[in-house]
Amino acid sequence: KGFGRQGGKTEVFRGSEYKVELLPKLK
């Protein structure tokens, strides 16, 4: 998991917005 320039992303779950900072990747 990690992030670069995009700095994560914003998700919505059950009407609540939250930020996912570490995104899944493959090394």
mmCIF file of all heavy atoms, coordinates in Angstrom:
data_MODEL
# 
_entry.id   MODEL 
# 
loop_
_atom_site.group_PDB 
_atom_site.id 
_atom_site.type_symbol 
_atom_site.label_atom_id 
_atom_site.label_alt_id 
_atom_site.label_comp_id 
_atom_site.label_asym_id 
_atom_site.label_entity_id 
_atom_site.label_seq_id 
_atom_site.pdbx_PDB_ins_code 
_atom_site.Cartn_x 
_atom_site.Cartn_y 
_atom_site.Cartn_z 
_atom_site.occupancy 
_atom_site.B_iso_or_equiv 
_atom_site.pdbx_formal_charge 
_atom_site.auth_seq_id 
_atom_site.auth_comp_id 
_atom_site.auth_asym_id 
_atom_site.auth_atom_id 
_atom_site.pdbx_PDB_model_num 
ATOM 1   N N   . LYS A 1 1  ? 0.863   -1.183 0.000   1.00 0.00 ? 1  LYS A N   1 
ATOM 2   C CA  . LYS A 1 1  ? 0.000   0.000  0.000   1.00 0.00 ? 1  LYS A CA  1 
ATOM 3   C C   . LYS A 1 1  ? 0.891   1.220  0.000   1.00 0.00 ? 1  LYS A C   1 
ATOM 4   O O   . LYS A 1 1  ? 1.988   1.206  0.542   1.00 0.00 ? 1  LYS A O   1 
ATOM 5   C CB  . LYS A 1 1  ? -0.896  0.023  1.245   1.00 0.00 ? 1  LYS A CB  1 
ATOM 6   C CG  . LYS A 1 1  ? -1.958  -1.043 1.232   1.00 0.00 ? 1  LYS A CG  1 
ATOM 7   C CD  . LYS A 1 1  ? -2.864  -0.894 2.429   1.00 0.00 ? 1  LYS A CD  1 
ATOM 8   C CE  . LYS A 1 1  ? -3.943  -1.967 2.370   1.00 0.00 ? 1  LYS A CE  1 
ATOM 9   N NZ  . LYS A 1 1  ? -4.958  -1.760 3.383   1.00 0.00 ? 1  LYS A NZ  1 
ATOM 10  N N   . GLY A 1 2  ? 0.397   2.295  -0.607  1.00 0.00 ? 2  GLY A N   1 
ATOM 11  C CA  . GLY A 1 2  ? 1.175   3.525  -0.621  1.00 0.00 ? 2  GLY A CA  1 
ATOM 12  C C   . GLY A 1 2  ? 0.430   4.628  -1.339  1.00 0.00 ? 2  GLY A C   1 
ATOM 13  O O   . GLY A 1 2  ? -0.716  4.459  -1.771  1.00 0.00 ? 2  GLY A O   1 
ATOM 14  N N   . PHE A 1 3  ? 1.102   5.770  -1.447  1.00 0.00 ? 3  PHE A N   1 
ATOM 15  C CA  . PHE A 1 3  ? 0.540   6.869  -2.220  1.00 0.00 ? 3  PHE A CA  1 
ATOM 16  C C   . PHE A 1 3  ? 1.681   7.685  -2.793  1.00 0.00 ? 3  PHE A C   1 
ATOM 17  O O   . PHE A 1 3  ? 2.803   7.647  -2.318  1.00 0.00 ? 3  PHE A O   1 
ATOM 18  C CB  . PHE A 1 3  ? -0.393  7.747  -1.375  1.00 0.00 ? 3  PHE A CB  1 
ATOM 19  C CG  . PHE A 1 3  ? 0.299   8.530  -0.298  1.00 0.00 ? 3  PHE A CG  1 
ATOM 20  C CD1 . PHE A 1 3  ? 0.797   9.798  -0.560  1.00 0.00 ? 3  PHE A CD1 1 
ATOM 21  C CD2 . PHE A 1 3  ? 0.454   8.008  0.968   1.00 0.00 ? 3  PHE A CD2 1 
ATOM 22  C CE1 . PHE A 1 3  ? 1.437   10.531 0.430   1.00 0.00 ? 3  PHE A CE1 1 
ATOM 23  C CE2 . PHE A 1 3  ? 1.087   8.722  1.964   1.00 0.00 ? 3  PHE A CE2 1 
ATOM 24  C CZ  . PHE A 1 3  ? 1.588   9.982  1.692   1.00 0.00 ? 3  PHE A CZ  1 
ATOM 25  N N   . GLY A 1 4  ? 1.368   8.401  -3.840  1.00 0.00 ? 4  GLY A N   1 
ATOM 26  C CA  . GLY A 1 4  ? 2.327   9.285  -4.480  1.00 0.00 ? 4  GLY A CA  1 
ATOM 27  C C   . GLY A 1 4  ? 1.710   10.656 -4.599  1.00 0.00 ? 4  GLY A C   1 
ATOM 28  O O   . GLY A 1 4  ? 1.108   11.160 -3.652  1.00 0.00 ? 4  GLY A O   1 
ATOM 29  N N   . ARG A 1 5  ? 1.812   11.215 -5.768  1.00 0.00 ? 5  ARG A N   1 
ATOM 30  C CA  . ARG A 1 5  ? 1.289   12.568 -5.982  1.00 0.00 ? 5  ARG A CA  1 
ATOM 31  C C   . ARG A 1 5  ? -0.202  12.674 -5.739  1.00 0.00 ? 5  ARG A C   1 
ATOM 32  O O   . ARG A 1 5  ? -0.702  13.710 -5.348  1.00 0.00 ? 5  ARG A O   1 
ATOM 33  C CB  . ARG A 1 5  ? 1.590   13.022 -7.406  1.00 0.00 ? 5  ARG A CB  1 
ATOM 34  C CG  . ARG A 1 5  ? 3.035   13.327 -7.609  1.00 0.00 ? 5  ARG A CG  1 
ATOM 35  C CD  . ARG A 1 5  ? 3.260   13.908 -8.972  1.00 0.00 ? 5  ARG A CD  1 
ATOM 36  N NE  . ARG A 1 5  ? 4.686   14.081 -9.181  1.00 0.00 ? 5  ARG A NE  1 
ATOM 37  C CZ  . ARG A 1 5  ? 5.217   14.326 -10.353 1.00 0.00 ? 5  ARG A CZ  1 
ATOM 38  N NH1 . ARG A 1 5  ? 4.458   14.413 -11.416 1.00 0.00 ? 5  ARG A NH1 1 
ATOM 39  N NH2 . ARG A 1 5  ? 6.511   14.473 -10.464 1.00 0.00 ? 5  ARG A NH2 1 
ATOM 40  N N   . GLN A 1 6  ? -0.932  11.594 -5.995  1.00 0.00 ? 6  GLN A N   1 
ATOM 41  C CA  . GLN A 1 6  ? -2.379  11.677 -5.828  1.00 0.00 ? 6  GLN A CA  1 
ATOM 42  C C   . GLN A 1 6  ? -2.766  11.784 -4.362  1.00 0.00 ? 6  GLN A C   1 
ATOM 43  O O   . GLN A 1 6  ? -3.849  12.240 -4.037  1.00 0.00 ? 6  GLN A O   1 
ATOM 44  C CB  . GLN A 1 6  ? -3.103  10.508 -6.506  1.00 0.00 ? 6  GLN A CB  1 
ATOM 45  C CG  . GLN A 1 6  ? -3.145  9.217  -5.708  1.00 0.00 ? 6  GLN A CG  1 
ATOM 46  C CD  . GLN A 1 6  ? -2.055  8.230  -6.074  1.00 0.00 ? 6  GLN A CD  1 
ATOM 47  O OE1 . GLN A 1 6  ? -0.953  8.607  -6.437  1.00 0.00 ? 6  GLN A OE1 1 
ATOM 48  N NE2 . GLN A 1 6  ? -2.346  6.962  -5.970  1.00 0.00 ? 6  GLN A NE2 1 
ATOM 49  N N   . GLY A 1 7  ? -1.885  11.380 -3.457  1.00 0.00 ? 7  GLY A N   1 
ATOM 50  C CA  . GLY A 1 7  ? -2.128  11.547 -2.029  1.00 0.00 ? 7  GLY A CA  1 
ATOM 51  C C   . GLY A 1 7  ? -3.321  10.784 -1.497  1.00 0.00 ? 7  GLY A C   1 
ATOM 52  O O   . GLY A 1 7  ? -3.904  11.164 -0.495  1.00 0.00 ? 7  GLY A O   1 
ATOM 53  N N   . GLY A 1 8  ? -3.718  9.722  -2.148  1.00 0.00 ? 8  GLY A N   1 
ATOM 54  C CA  . GLY A 1 8  ? -4.880  8.947  -1.716  1.00 0.00 ? 8  GLY A CA  1 
ATOM 55  C C   . GLY A 1 8  ? -6.114  9.362  -2.495  1.00 0.00 ? 8  GLY A C   1 
ATOM 56  O O   . GLY A 1 8  ? -6.030  10.014 -3.527  1.00 0.00 ? 8  GLY A O   1 
ATOM 57  N N   . LYS A 1 9  ? -7.272  8.981  -1.977  1.00 0.00 ? 9  LYS A N   1 
ATOM 58  C CA  . LYS A 1 9  ? -8.517  9.352  -2.646  1.00 0.00 ? 9  LYS A CA  1 
ATOM 59  C C   . LYS A 1 9  ? -9.637  9.421  -1.618  1.00 0.00 ? 9  LYS A C   1 
ATOM 60  O O   . LYS A 1 9  ? -9.537  8.875  -0.524  1.00 0.00 ? 9  LYS A O   1 
ATOM 61  C CB  . LYS A 1 9  ? -8.866  8.382  -3.771  1.00 0.00 ? 9  LYS A CB  1 
ATOM 62  C CG  . LYS A 1 9  ? -9.148  6.966  -3.317  1.00 0.00 ? 9  LYS A CG  1 
ATOM 63  C CD  . LYS A 1 9  ? -9.473  6.072  -4.498  1.00 0.00 ? 9  LYS A CD  1 
ATOM 64  C CE  . LYS A 1 9  ? -9.716  4.651  -4.031  1.00 0.00 ? 9  LYS A CE  1 
ATOM 65  N NZ  . LYS A 1 9  ? -10.070 3.773  -5.115  1.00 0.00 ? 9  LYS A NZ  1 
ATOM 66  N N   . THR A 1 10 ? -10.715 10.097 -1.996  1.00 0.00 ? 10 THR A N   1 
ATOM 67  C CA  . THR A 1 10 ? -11.869 10.240 -1.113  1.00 0.00 ? 10 THR A CA  1 
ATOM 68  C C   . THR A 1 10 ? -12.922 9.223  -1.505  1.00 0.00 ? 10 THR A C   1 
ATOM 69  O O   . THR A 1 10 ? -13.229 9.056  -2.682  1.00 0.00 ? 10 THR A O   1 
ATOM 70  C CB  . THR A 1 10 ? -12.442 11.661 -1.209  1.00 0.00 ? 10 THR A CB  1 
ATOM 71  O OG1 . THR A 1 10 ? -11.402 12.582 -0.879  1.00 0.00 ? 10 THR A OG1 1 
ATOM 72  C CG2 . THR A 1 10 ? -13.595 11.854 -0.251  1.00 0.00 ? 10 THR A CG2 1 
ATOM 73  N N   . GLU A 1 11 ? -13.460 8.518  -0.523  1.00 0.00 ? 11 GLU A N   1 
ATOM 74  C CA  . GLU A 1 11 ? -14.507 7.517  -0.727  1.00 0.00 ? 11 GLU A CA  1 
ATOM 75  C C   . GLU A 1 11 ? -15.747 7.923  0.054   1.00 0.00 ? 11 GLU A C   1 
ATOM 76  O O   . GLU A 1 11 ? -15.665 8.703  1.000   1.00 0.00 ? 11 GLU A O   1 
ATOM 77  C CB  . GLU A 1 11 ? -14.031 6.147  -0.226  1.00 0.00 ? 11 GLU A CB  1 
ATOM 78  C CG  . GLU A 1 11 ? -12.837 5.574  -0.946  1.00 0.00 ? 11 GLU A CG  1 
ATOM 79  C CD  . GLU A 1 11 ? -13.216 4.752  -2.149  1.00 0.00 ? 11 GLU A CD  1 
ATOM 80  O OE1 . GLU A 1 11 ? -14.355 4.282  -2.218  1.00 0.00 ? 11 GLU A OE1 1 
ATOM 81  O OE2 . GLU A 1 11 ? -12.355 4.581  -3.028  1.00 0.00 ? 11 GLU A OE2 1 
ATOM 82  N N   . VAL A 1 12 ? -16.888 7.373  -0.338  1.00 0.00 ? 12 VAL A N   1 
ATOM 83  C CA  . VAL A 1 12 ? -18.121 7.573  0.408   1.00 0.00 ? 12 VAL A CA  1 
ATOM 84  C C   . VAL A 1 12 ? -18.643 6.206  0.824   1.00 0.00 ? 12 VAL A C   1 
ATOM 85  O O   . VAL A 1 12 ? -18.772 5.302  -0.007  1.00 0.00 ? 12 VAL A O   1 
ATOM 86  C CB  . VAL A 1 12 ? -19.180 8.322  -0.438  1.00 0.00 ? 12 VAL A CB  1 
ATOM 87  C CG1 . VAL A 1 12 ? -20.479 8.452  0.335   1.00 0.00 ? 12 VAL A CG1 1 
ATOM 88  C CG2 . VAL A 1 12 ? -18.662 9.682  -0.865  1.00 0.00 ? 12 VAL A CG2 1 
ATOM 89  N N   . PHE A 1 13 ? -18.920 6.036  2.132   1.00 0.00 ? 13 PHE A N   1 
ATOM 90  C CA  . PHE A 1 13 ? -19.453 4.787  2.655   1.00 0.00 ? 13 PHE A CA  1 
ATOM 91  C C   . PHE A 1 13 ? -20.643 5.107  3.541   1.00 0.00 ? 13 PHE A C   1 
ATOM 92  O O   . PHE A 1 13 ? -20.507 5.828  4.529   1.00 0.00 ? 13 PHE A O   1 
ATOM 93  C CB  . PHE A 1 13 ? -18.374 4.028  3.441   1.00 0.00 ? 13 PHE A CB  1 
ATOM 94  C CG  . PHE A 1 13 ? -18.841 2.719  3.997   1.00 0.00 ? 13 PHE A CG  1 
ATOM 95  C CD1 . PHE A 1 13 ? -19.082 1.644  3.168   1.00 0.00 ? 13 PHE A CD1 1 
ATOM 96  C CD2 . PHE A 1 13 ? -19.064 2.573  5.356   1.00 0.00 ? 13 PHE A CD2 1 
ATOM 97  C CE1 . PHE A 1 13 ? -19.513 0.429  3.669   1.00 0.00 ? 13 PHE A CE1 1 
ATOM 98  C CE2 . PHE A 1 13 ? -19.503 1.371  5.878   1.00 0.00 ? 13 PHE A CE2 1 
ATOM 99  C CZ  . PHE A 1 13 ? -19.728 0.289  5.032   1.00 0.00 ? 13 PHE A CZ  1 
ATOM 100 N N   . ARG A 1 14 ? -21.822 4.591  3.164   1.00 0.00 ? 14 ARG A N   1 
ATOM 101 C CA  . ARG A 1 14 ? -23.055 4.821  3.909   1.00 0.00 ? 14 ARG A CA  1 
ATOM 102 C C   . ARG A 1 14 ? -23.296 6.294  4.188   1.00 0.00 ? 14 ARG A C   1 
ATOM 103 O O   . ARG A 1 14 ? -23.644 6.696  5.290   1.00 0.00 ? 14 ARG A O   1 
ATOM 104 C CB  . ARG A 1 14 ? -23.065 4.027  5.208   1.00 0.00 ? 14 ARG A CB  1 
ATOM 105 C CG  . ARG A 1 14 ? -23.093 2.538  4.971   1.00 0.00 ? 14 ARG A CG  1 
ATOM 106 C CD  . ARG A 1 14 ? -23.276 1.780  6.249   1.00 0.00 ? 14 ARG A CD  1 
ATOM 107 N NE  . ARG A 1 14 ? -23.351 0.355  5.947   1.00 0.00 ? 14 ARG A NE  1 
ATOM 108 C CZ  . ARG A 1 14 ? -23.382 -0.583 6.849   1.00 0.00 ? 14 ARG A CZ  1 
ATOM 109 N NH1 . ARG A 1 14 ? -23.366 -0.274 8.130   1.00 0.00 ? 14 ARG A NH1 1 
ATOM 110 N NH2 . ARG A 1 14 ? -23.443 -1.836 6.498   1.00 0.00 ? 14 ARG A NH2 1 
ATOM 111 N N   . GLY A 1 15 ? -23.043 7.097  3.171   1.00 0.00 ? 15 GLY A N   1 
ATOM 112 C CA  . GLY A 1 15 ? -23.311 8.528  3.273   1.00 0.00 ? 15 GLY A CA  1 
ATOM 113 C C   . GLY A 1 15 ? -22.214 9.343  3.930   1.00 0.00 ? 15 GLY A C   1 
ATOM 114 O O   . GLY A 1 15 ? -22.280 10.560 3.944   1.00 0.00 ? 15 GLY A O   1 
ATOM 115 N N   . SER A 1 16 ? -21.217 8.689  4.478   1.00 0.00 ? 16 SER A N   1 
ATOM 116 C CA  . SER A 1 16 ? -20.115 9.414  5.116   1.00 0.00 ? 16 SER A CA  1 
ATOM 117 C C   . SER A 1 16 ? -18.895 9.422  4.199   1.00 0.00 ? 16 SER A C   1 
ATOM 118 O O   . SER A 1 16 ? -18.519 8.398  3.646   1.00 0.00 ? 16 SER A O   1 
ATOM 119 C CB  . SER A 1 16 ? -19.725 8.750  6.440   1.00 0.00 ? 16 SER A CB  1 
ATOM 120 O OG  . SER A 1 16 ? -20.788 8.806  7.344   1.00 0.00 ? 16 SER A OG  1 
ATOM 121 N N   . GLU A 1 17 ? -18.303 10.582 4.067   1.00 0.00 ? 17 GLU A N   1 
ATOM 122 C CA  . GLU A 1 17 ? -17.123 10.728 3.237   1.00 0.00 ? 17 GLU A CA  1 
ATOM 123 C C   . GLU A 1 17 ? -15.874 10.515 4.088   1.00 0.00 ? 17 GLU A C   1 
ATOM 124 O O   . GLU A 1 17 ? -15.799 10.988 5.220   1.00 0.00 ? 17 GLU A O   1 
ATOM 125 C CB  . GLU A 1 17 ? -17.110 12.132 2.627   1.00 0.00 ? 17 GLU A CB  1 
ATOM 126 C CG  . GLU A 1 17 ? -16.145 12.294 1.498   1.00 0.00 ? 17 GLU A CG  1 
ATOM 127 C CD  . GLU A 1 17 ? -16.300 13.641 0.809   1.00 0.00 ? 17 GLU A CD  1 
ATOM 128 O OE1 . GLU A 1 17 ? -17.229 13.794 0.002   1.00 0.00 ? 17 GLU A OE1 1 
ATOM 129 O OE2 . GLU A 1 17 ? -15.487 14.520 1.111   1.00 0.00 ? 17 GLU A OE2 1 
ATOM 130 N N   . TYR A 1 18 ? -14.916 9.766  3.563   1.00 0.00 ? 18 TYR A N   1 
ATOM 131 C CA  . TYR A 1 18 ? -13.660 9.561  4.278   1.00 0.00 ? 18 TYR A CA  1 
ATOM 132 C C   . TYR A 1 18 ? -12.528 9.470  3.276   1.00 0.00 ? 18 TYR A C   1 
ATOM 133 O O   . TYR A 1 18 ? -12.727 9.201  2.101   1.00 0.00 ? 18 TYR A O   1 
ATOM 134 C CB  . TYR A 1 18 ? -13.719 8.321  5.171   1.00 0.00 ? 18 TYR A CB  1 
ATOM 135 C CG  . TYR A 1 18 ? -13.872 7.021  4.413   1.00 0.00 ? 18 TYR A CG  1 
ATOM 136 C CD1 . TYR A 1 18 ? -12.774 6.226  4.144   1.00 0.00 ? 18 TYR A CD1 1 
ATOM 137 C CD2 . TYR A 1 18 ? -15.116 6.588  3.959   1.00 0.00 ? 18 TYR A CD2 1 
ATOM 138 C CE1 . TYR A 1 18 ? -12.902 5.043  3.442   1.00 0.00 ? 18 TYR A CE1 1 
ATOM 139 C CE2 . TYR A 1 18 ? -15.256 5.405  3.251   1.00 0.00 ? 18 TYR A CE2 1 
ATOM 140 C CZ  . TYR A 1 18 ? -14.139 4.631  3.000   1.00 0.00 ? 18 TYR A CZ  1 
ATOM 141 O OH  . TYR A 1 18 ? -14.270 3.473  2.303   1.00 0.00 ? 18 TYR A OH  1 
ATOM 142 N N   . LYS A 1 19 ? -11.312 9.728  3.759   1.00 0.00 ? 19 LYS A N   1 
ATOM 143 C CA  . LYS A 1 19 ? -10.140 9.729  2.885   1.00 0.00 ? 19 LYS A CA  1 
ATOM 144 C C   . LYS A 1 19 ? -9.354  8.430  3.052   1.00 0.00 ? 19 LYS A C   1 
ATOM 145 O O   . LYS A 1 19 ? -9.069  8.016  4.174   1.00 0.00 ? 19 LYS A O   1 
ATOM 146 C CB  . LYS A 1 19 ? -9.249  10.923 3.211   1.00 0.00 ? 19 LYS A CB  1 
ATOM 147 C CG  . LYS A 1 19 ? -8.069  11.049 2.285   1.00 0.00 ? 19 LYS A CG  1 
ATOM 148 C CD  . LYS A 1 19 ? -7.484  12.437 2.353   1.00 0.00 ? 19 LYS A CD  1 
ATOM 149 C CE  . LYS A 1 19 ? -6.265  12.508 1.479   1.00 0.00 ? 19 LYS A CE  1 
ATOM 150 N NZ  . LYS A 1 19 ? -6.403  13.279 0.299   1.00 0.00 ? 19 LYS A NZ  1 
ATOM 151 N N   . VAL A 1 20 ? -9.038  7.811  1.932   1.00 0.00 ? 20 VAL A N   1 
ATOM 152 C CA  . VAL A 1 20 ? -8.172  6.630  1.910   1.00 0.00 ? 20 VAL A CA  1 
ATOM 153 C C   . VAL A 1 20 ? -6.793  7.130  1.481   1.00 0.00 ? 20 VAL A C   1 
ATOM 154 O O   . VAL A 1 20 ? -6.610  7.544  0.345   1.00 0.00 ? 20 VAL A O   1 
ATOM 155 C CB  . VAL A 1 20 ? -8.700  5.564  0.918   1.00 0.00 ? 20 VAL A CB  1 
ATOM 156 C CG1 . VAL A 1 20 ? -7.754  4.383  0.867   1.00 0.00 ? 20 VAL A CG1 1 
ATOM 157 C CG2 . VAL A 1 20 ? -10.097 5.140  1.283   1.00 0.00 ? 20 VAL A CG2 1 
ATOM 158 N N   . GLU A 1 21 ? -5.853  7.116  2.419   1.00 0.00 ? 21 GLU A N   1 
ATOM 159 C CA  . GLU A 1 21 ? -4.529  7.658  2.116   1.00 0.00 ? 21 GLU A CA  1 
ATOM 160 C C   . GLU A 1 21 ? -3.600  6.627  1.497   1.00 0.00 ? 21 GLU A C   1 
ATOM 161 O O   . GLU A 1 21 ? -2.783  6.956  0.650   1.00 0.00 ? 21 GLU A O   1 
ATOM 162 C CB  . GLU A 1 21 ? -3.900  8.252  3.372   1.00 0.00 ? 21 GLU A CB  1 
ATOM 163 C CG  . GLU A 1 21 ? -4.605  9.510  3.825   1.00 0.00 ? 21 GLU A CG  1 
ATOM 164 C CD  . GLU A 1 21 ? -3.912  10.194 4.984   1.00 0.00 ? 21 GLU A CD  1 
ATOM 165 O OE1 . GLU A 1 21 ? -2.840  9.719  5.409   1.00 0.00 ? 21 GLU A OE1 1 
ATOM 166 O OE2 . GLU A 1 21 ? -4.449  11.200 5.456   1.00 0.00 ? 21 GLU A OE2 1 
ATOM 167 N N   . LEU A 1 22 ? -3.695  5.380  1.926   1.00 0.00 ? 22 LEU A N   1 
ATOM 168 C CA  . LEU A 1 22 ? -2.828  4.336  1.390   1.00 0.00 ? 22 LEU A CA  1 
ATOM 169 C C   . LEU A 1 22 ? -3.621  3.479  0.413   1.00 0.00 ? 22 LEU A C   1 
ATOM 170 O O   . LEU A 1 22 ? -4.558  2.787  0.803   1.00 0.00 ? 22 LEU A O   1 
ATOM 171 C CB  . LEU A 1 22 ? -2.261  3.473  2.521   1.00 0.00 ? 22 LEU A CB  1 
ATOM 172 C CG  . LEU A 1 22 ? -1.347  4.207  3.504   1.00 0.00 ? 22 LEU A CG  1 
ATOM 173 C CD1 . LEU A 1 22 ? -0.944  3.285  4.641   1.00 0.00 ? 22 LEU A CD1 1 
ATOM 174 C CD2 . LEU A 1 22 ? -0.125  4.754  2.803   1.00 0.00 ? 22 LEU A CD2 1 
ATOM 175 N N   . LEU A 1 23 ? -3.224  3.530  -0.847  1.00 0.00 ? 23 LEU A N   1 
ATOM 176 C CA  . LEU A 1 23 ? -3.927  2.797  -1.897  1.00 0.00 ? 23 LEU A CA  1 
ATOM 177 C C   . LEU A 1 23 ? -3.243  1.462  -2.162  1.00 0.00 ? 23 LEU A C   1 
ATOM 178 O O   . LEU A 1 23 ? -2.014  1.361  -2.104  1.00 0.00 ? 23 LEU A O   1 
ATOM 179 C CB  . LEU A 1 23 ? -3.958  3.629  -3.178  1.00 0.00 ? 23 LEU A CB  1 
ATOM 180 C CG  . LEU A 1 23 ? -4.619  5.000  -3.038  1.00 0.00 ? 23 LEU A CG  1 
ATOM 181 C CD1 . LEU A 1 23 ? -4.468  5.785  -4.322  1.00 0.00 ? 23 LEU A CD1 1 
ATOM 182 C CD2 . LEU A 1 23 ? -6.077  4.848  -2.666  1.00 0.00 ? 23 LEU A CD2 1 
ATOM 183 N N   . PRO A 1 24 ? -4.024  0.422  -2.471  1.00 0.00 ? 24 PRO A N   1 
ATOM 184 C CA  . PRO A 1 24 ? -3.424  -0.882 -2.752  1.00 0.00 ? 24 PRO A CA  1 
ATOM 185 C C   . PRO A 1 24 ? -2.654  -0.868 -4.075  1.00 0.00 ? 24 PRO A C   1 
ATOM 186 O O   . PRO A 1 24 ? -3.123  -0.315 -5.067  1.00 0.00 ? 24 PRO A O   1 
ATOM 187 C CB  . PRO A 1 24 ? -4.624  -1.833 -2.825  1.00 0.00 ? 24 PRO A CB  1 
ATOM 188 C CG  . PRO A 1 24 ? -5.799  -0.961 -3.102  1.00 0.00 ? 24 PRO A CG  1 
ATOM 189 C CD  . PRO A 1 24 ? -5.483  0.391  -2.538  1.00 0.00 ? 24 PRO A CD  1 
ATOM 190 N N   . LYS A 1 25 ? -1.475  -1.462 -4.040  1.00 0.00 ? 25 LYS A N   1 
ATOM 191 C CA  . LYS A 1 25 ? -0.613  -1.585 -5.219  1.00 0.00 ? 25 LYS A CA  1 
ATOM 192 C C   . LYS A 1 25 ? 0.038   -2.962 -5.189  1.00 0.00 ? 25 LYS A C   1 
ATOM 193 O O   . LYS A 1 25 ? -0.037  -3.677 -4.196  1.00 0.00 ? 25 LYS A O   1 
ATOM 194 C CB  . LYS A 1 25 ? 0.496   -0.521 -5.212  1.00 0.00 ? 25 LYS A CB  1 
ATOM 195 C CG  . LYS A 1 25 ? 0.028   0.917  -5.114  1.00 0.00 ? 25 LYS A CG  1 
ATOM 196 C CD  . LYS A 1 25 ? -0.536  1.414  -6.401  1.00 0.00 ? 25 LYS A CD  1 
ATOM 197 C CE  . LYS A 1 25 ? -0.904  2.893  -6.242  1.00 0.00 ? 25 LYS A CE  1 
ATOM 198 N NZ  . LYS A 1 25 ? -1.372  3.469  -7.470  1.00 0.00 ? 25 LYS A NZ  1 
ATOM 199 N N   . LEU A 1 26 ? 0.700   -3.316 -6.285  1.00 0.00 ? 26 LEU A N   1 
ATOM 200 C CA  . LEU A 1 26 ? 1.523   -4.523 -6.333  1.00 0.00 ? 26 LEU A CA  1 
ATOM 201 C C   . LEU A 1 26 ? 2.962   -4.115 -6.593  1.00 0.00 ? 26 LEU A C   1 
ATOM 202 O O   . LEU A 1 26 ? 3.231   -3.295 -7.467  1.00 0.00 ? 26 LEU A O   1 
ATOM 203 C CB  . LEU A 1 26 ? 1.070   -5.464 -7.446  1.00 0.00 ? 26 LEU A CB  1 
ATOM 204 C CG  . LEU A 1 26 ? -0.285  -6.135 -7.278  1.00 0.00 ? 26 LEU A CG  1 
ATOM 205 C CD1 . LEU A 1 26 ? -0.567  -7.022 -8.481  1.00 0.00 ? 26 LEU A CD1 1 
ATOM 206 C CD2 . LEU A 1 26 ? -0.348  -6.937 -6.007  1.00 0.00 ? 26 LEU A CD2 1 
ATOM 207 N N   . LYS A 1 27 ? 3.876   -4.703 -5.826  1.00 0.00 ? 27 LYS A N   1 
ATOM 208 C CA  . LYS A 1 27 ? 5.303   -4.495 -6.076  1.00 0.00 ? 27 LYS A CA  1 
ATOM 209 C C   . LYS A 1 27 ? 5.809   -5.721 -6.824  1.00 0.00 ? 27 LYS A C   1 
ATOM 210 O O   . LYS A 1 27 ? 5.685   -6.851 -6.342  1.00 0.00 ? 27 LYS A O   1 
ATOM 211 C CB  . LYS A 1 27 ? 6.067   -4.301 -4.775  1.00 0.00 ? 27 LYS A CB  1 
ATOM 212 C CG  . LYS A 1 27 ? 7.552   -4.049 -5.006  1.00 0.00 ? 27 LYS A CG  1 
ATOM 213 C CD  . LYS A 1 27 ? 8.261   -3.524 -3.782  1.00 0.00 ? 27 LYS A CD  1 
ATOM 214 C CE  . LYS A 1 27 ? 8.516   -4.595 -2.783  1.00 0.00 ? 27 LYS A CE  1 
ATOM 215 N NZ  . LYS A 1 27 ? 9.422   -4.172 -1.700  1.00 0.00 ? 27 LYS A NZ  1 
# 
